[in-house]
Amino acid sequence: MASTAAQLSEVTRTVVPVDGGHDVILAQTYSVTPEELWNALTDPERLAVWFLRPTGELREGGRYELAEMGTTGTVQRCEKPSSVLLSWESMGSTSELELGVEAADEGSRFTLRHRNPAGEHWDRFGPAATGCGWDGAIFALAAHLEDRSADLKTGQFAGWETSAEAAEFTRDTAAAWAASDIAAGADPDAAREAAERTAAFYLGEESPEA
């Protein structure tokens, strides 16, 4: 089964400074075909199993909504079966999300790129604010791809978000994002403080305004 230890080592985490912001990039190789991975990423019924159910006009140029997390956006580009580009509109800000699928020797390679605008939020929380959330999501994706018949919400992941294992995973992924931030040129002390602040927020130990 997918495990937090495997996710920590098998996911590649990269921070890339770009004009007006930073790209937060996660990539992982799965032992499934590109077609199977594409289907898991784009079929609403399968998304509902490991992520959230999208609604709306799920086509290029259409508007979508993830009601459970208060996120909406536009499907800006869809090139089946290799890439999807979305606007990501959440909590009063707009960013850009791109999902990519390509064949790999071991099966298929998934790349998620989330472009974050520069500003106070980035300065305070760094890449972990985005990265930790997506780390949790693709952990569930890995479990789903290993056993498509599993009901993650009543099985392996039932109550997982409040478990000690989940808290450790959050702290570990936040630290991994700090390392990626430092590799991209961030001040080491500031990067580690931002990652610790992010982990504290995810674990309910600090409010975003604190």
Protein backbone atom coordinates (compact mmCIF):
# COMPACT_ATOMS: atom_id res chain seq x y z
CA MET A 1 0.00 0.00 0.00
CA ALA A 2 1.00 3.61 -0.49
CA SER A 3 2.79 4.89 2.58
CA THR A 4 3.93 8.23 3.93
CA ALA A 5 7.55 7.03 3.87
CA ALA A 6 7.25 6.16 0.19
CA GLN A 7 5.61 9.47 -0.62
CA LEU A 8 8.35 11.43 1.08
CA SER A 9 11.03 9.74 -1.01
CA GLU A 10 9.22 9.12 -4.30
CA VAL A 11 7.81 12.61 -4.85
CA THR A 12 10.14 15.15 -6.44
CA ARG A 13 9.55 18.64 -5.02
CA THR A 14 10.82 21.71 -6.84
CA VAL A 15 10.44 25.47 -6.40
CA VAL A 16 11.10 27.63 -9.46
CA PRO A 17 11.13 31.45 -9.22
CA VAL A 18 9.27 33.00 -12.17
CA ASP A 19 8.27 36.54 -13.07
CA GLY A 20 5.68 37.64 -10.54
CA GLY A 21 5.78 34.52 -8.40
CA HIS A 22 6.98 30.96 -7.92
CA ASP A 23 6.10 27.59 -9.42
CA VAL A 24 5.59 24.84 -6.84
CA ILE A 25 6.10 21.52 -8.64
CA LEU A 26 5.46 17.94 -7.51
CA ALA A 27 6.22 14.92 -9.67
CA GLN A 28 5.81 11.19 -9.12
CA THR A 29 6.07 8.05 -11.25
CA TYR A 30 3.33 5.40 -11.02
CA SER A 31 3.28 1.83 -12.32
CA VAL A 32 0.14 2.43 -14.41
CA THR A 33 -0.34 3.40 -18.03
CA PRO A 34 -0.61 7.08 -18.99
CA GLU A 35 -4.23 6.41 -20.00
CA GLU A 36 -5.05 5.04 -16.54
CA LEU A 37 -3.38 7.98 -14.82
CA TRP A 38 -5.16 10.47 -17.09
CA ASN A 39 -8.50 8.85 -16.30
CA ALA A 40 -7.84 9.03 -12.53
CA LEU A 41 -7.06 12.74 -12.87
CA THR A 42 -10.00 13.74 -15.08
CA ASP A 43 -12.94 11.39 -14.44
CA PRO A 44 -15.27 13.13 -11.93
CA GLU A 45 -16.33 9.82 -10.39
CA ARG A 46 -12.74 8.80 -9.73
CA LEU A 47 -11.75 12.25 -8.52
CA ALA A 48 -14.54 11.97 -5.95
CA VAL A 49 -12.88 8.81 -4.55
CA TRP A 50 -9.39 10.17 -3.94
CA PHE A 51 -9.79 13.97 -4.08
CA LEU A 52 -13.03 15.95 -4.47
CA ARG A 53 -15.94 15.83 -6.90
CA PRO A 54 -15.81 18.64 -9.47
CA THR A 55 -18.96 20.13 -10.96
CA GLY A 56 -19.62 22.57 -13.80
CA GLU A 57 -18.61 22.61 -17.44
CA LEU A 58 -15.73 20.15 -17.39
CA ARG A 59 -14.39 21.03 -20.83
CA GLU A 60 -11.90 23.46 -22.34
CA GLY A 61 -13.22 26.98 -21.78
CA GLY A 62 -15.73 25.82 -19.16
CA ARG A 63 -16.03 26.79 -15.52
CA TYR A 64 -15.58 24.20 -12.78
CA GLU A 65 -16.16 24.19 -9.03
CA LEU A 66 -14.80 22.22 -6.08
CA ALA A 67 -17.51 23.14 -3.62
CA GLU A 68 -16.02 21.30 -0.65
CA MET A 69 -12.93 23.51 -0.68
CA GLY A 70 -14.50 26.72 -1.99
CA THR A 71 -12.48 26.69 -5.21
CA THR A 72 -13.61 27.60 -8.71
CA GLY A 73 -11.86 28.29 -11.98
CA THR A 74 -11.71 27.94 -15.74
CA VAL A 75 -10.43 25.02 -17.77
CA GLN A 76 -7.98 27.04 -19.86
CA ARG A 77 -6.49 24.14 -21.81
CA CYS A 78 -7.13 20.42 -22.10
CA GLU A 79 -4.85 18.31 -24.29
CA LYS A 80 -5.94 14.71 -23.78
CA PRO A 81 -4.17 12.63 -22.59
CA SER A 82 -1.18 14.76 -21.60
CA SER A 83 -2.04 18.07 -19.92
CA VAL A 84 -4.70 20.25 -18.30
CA LEU A 85 -4.27 23.92 -17.41
CA LEU A 86 -6.70 25.50 -14.94
CA SER A 87 -7.17 28.81 -13.24
CA TRP A 88 -7.39 28.20 -9.47
CA GLU A 89 -9.58 30.74 -7.73
CA SER A 90 -9.65 30.33 -3.96
CA MET A 91 -9.88 32.59 -0.90
CA GLY A 92 -9.94 35.74 -2.99
CA SER A 93 -6.83 35.00 -5.04
CA THR A 94 -6.22 33.49 -8.47
CA SER A 95 -3.33 31.23 -9.40
CA GLU A 96 -2.55 28.73 -12.14
CA LEU A 97 -2.59 24.93 -11.92
CA GLU A 98 -1.21 22.58 -14.56
CA LEU A 99 -1.40 18.78 -14.54
CA GLY A 100 0.85 16.79 -16.86
CA VAL A 101 1.00 13.10 -17.79
CA GLU A 102 3.77 11.42 -19.78
CA ALA A 103 4.95 7.89 -20.41
CA ALA A 104 7.87 6.64 -18.31
CA ASP A 105 9.90 3.44 -18.26
CA GLU A 106 8.17 2.39 -15.05
CA GLY A 107 4.67 3.35 -16.24
CA SER A 108 3.71 7.02 -16.25
CA ARG A 109 4.98 10.26 -14.77
CA PHE A 110 2.63 12.78 -13.19
CA THR A 111 3.68 16.41 -12.78
CA LEU A 112 1.65 19.01 -10.91
CA ARG A 113 2.70 22.65 -11.26
CA HIS A 114 0.98 25.32 -9.18
CA ARG A 115 2.06 28.88 -9.89
CA ASN A 116 1.82 31.12 -6.83
CA PRO A 117 1.81 34.91 -7.08
CA ALA A 118 4.35 36.89 -5.10
CA GLY A 119 3.07 38.66 -2.03
CA GLU A 120 2.60 38.59 1.71
CA HIS A 121 1.16 35.08 1.78
CA TRP A 122 4.19 33.64 -0.02
CA ASP A 123 6.57 35.61 2.18
CA ARG A 124 4.90 34.27 5.32
CA PHE A 125 4.25 30.64 4.40
CA GLY A 126 6.47 29.88 1.38
CA PRO A 127 5.96 26.87 -0.92
CA ALA A 128 4.80 24.54 1.84
CA ALA A 129 1.42 26.30 2.00
CA THR A 130 0.69 24.96 -1.47
CA GLY A 131 2.99 21.96 -1.47
CA CYS A 132 1.81 20.27 1.72
CA GLY A 133 -1.79 20.29 0.54
CA TRP A 134 -0.88 18.73 -2.79
CA ASP A 135 1.39 16.22 -1.06
CA GLY A 136 -1.62 14.95 0.84
CA ALA A 137 -3.73 14.80 -2.32
CA ILE A 138 -1.24 12.81 -4.37
CA PHE A 139 -0.70 10.45 -1.44
CA ALA A 140 -4.38 9.59 -1.84
CA LEU A 141 -3.90 9.35 -5.62
CA ALA A 142 -1.06 6.84 -5.12
CA ALA A 143 -3.29 4.71 -2.89
CA HIS A 144 -6.13 4.89 -5.43
CA LEU A 145 -3.89 3.83 -8.30
CA GLU A 146 -2.60 0.86 -6.29
CA ASP A 147 -6.14 -0.37 -5.54
CA ARG A 148 -8.86 1.25 -7.60
CA SER A 149 -11.57 -0.73 -5.78
CA ALA A 150 -10.62 0.66 -2.36
CA ASP A 151 -12.92 3.21 -0.74
CA LEU A 152 -10.30 5.55 0.66
CA LYS A 153 -12.74 7.57 2.73
CA THR A 154 -13.87 4.53 4.73
CA GLY A 155 -10.67 2.49 4.44
CA GLN A 156 -7.03 3.52 4.65
CA PHE A 157 -7.80 7.25 4.89
CA ALA A 158 -10.81 7.16 7.20
CA GLY A 159 -9.99 9.70 9.91
CA TRP A 160 -6.43 9.90 8.65
CA GLU A 161 -6.28 13.70 8.57
CA THR A 162 -6.45 13.90 12.37
CA SER A 163 -4.04 11.03 13.05
CA ALA A 164 -0.52 11.24 14.46
CA GLU A 165 0.76 9.80 11.17
CA ALA A 166 -0.86 12.65 9.24
CA ALA A 167 0.65 15.25 11.58
CA GLU A 168 4.11 13.75 11.12
CA PHE A 169 3.59 13.66 7.34
CA THR A 170 2.64 17.34 7.37
CA ARG A 171 5.75 18.30 9.32
CA ASP A 172 7.97 16.13 7.11
CA THR A 173 6.58 17.48 3.84
CA ALA A 174 6.83 21.05 5.14
CA ALA A 175 10.50 20.43 5.92
CA ALA A 176 10.99 18.97 2.44
CA TRP A 177 9.47 22.10 0.92
CA ALA A 178 11.80 24.26 3.00
CA ALA A 179 14.74 22.33 1.53
CA SER A 180 13.37 22.86 -1.99
CA ASP A 181 12.91 26.56 -1.27
CA ILE A 182 16.49 26.86 -0.06
CA ALA A 183 17.72 25.02 -3.17
CA ALA A 184 15.87 27.65 -5.24
CA GLY A 185 17.78 30.46 -3.52
CA ALA A 186 15.64 31.34 -0.49
CA ASP A 187 17.26 32.44 2.75
CA PRO A 188 17.63 29.21 4.79
CA ASP A 189 16.38 30.62 8.09
CA ALA A 190 13.40 32.34 6.47
CA ALA A 191 12.53 29.20 4.48
CA ARG A 192 12.57 26.97 7.56
CA GLU A 193 10.53 29.46 9.59
CA ALA A 194 7.93 29.70 6.82
CA ALA A 195 7.69 25.90 6.62
CA GLU A 196 7.28 25.58 10.39
CA ARG A 197 4.61 28.27 10.30
CA THR A 198 2.79 26.41 7.53
CA ALA A 199 2.88 23.10 9.39
CA ALA A 200 1.56 24.81 12.52
CA PHE A 201 -1.32 26.28 10.53
CA TYR A 202 -2.23 22.94 8.92
CA LEU A 203 -2.16 21.29 12.35
CA GLY A 204 -4.35 23.96 13.93
CA GLU A 205 -1.55 25.43 16.02
CA GLU A 206 -1.47 28.84 14.34
CA SER A 207 -4.03 30.98 12.55
CA PRO A 208 -3.20 32.49 9.13
CA GLU A 209 -3.40 35.96 10.68
CA ALA A 210 -1.07 35.19 13.58
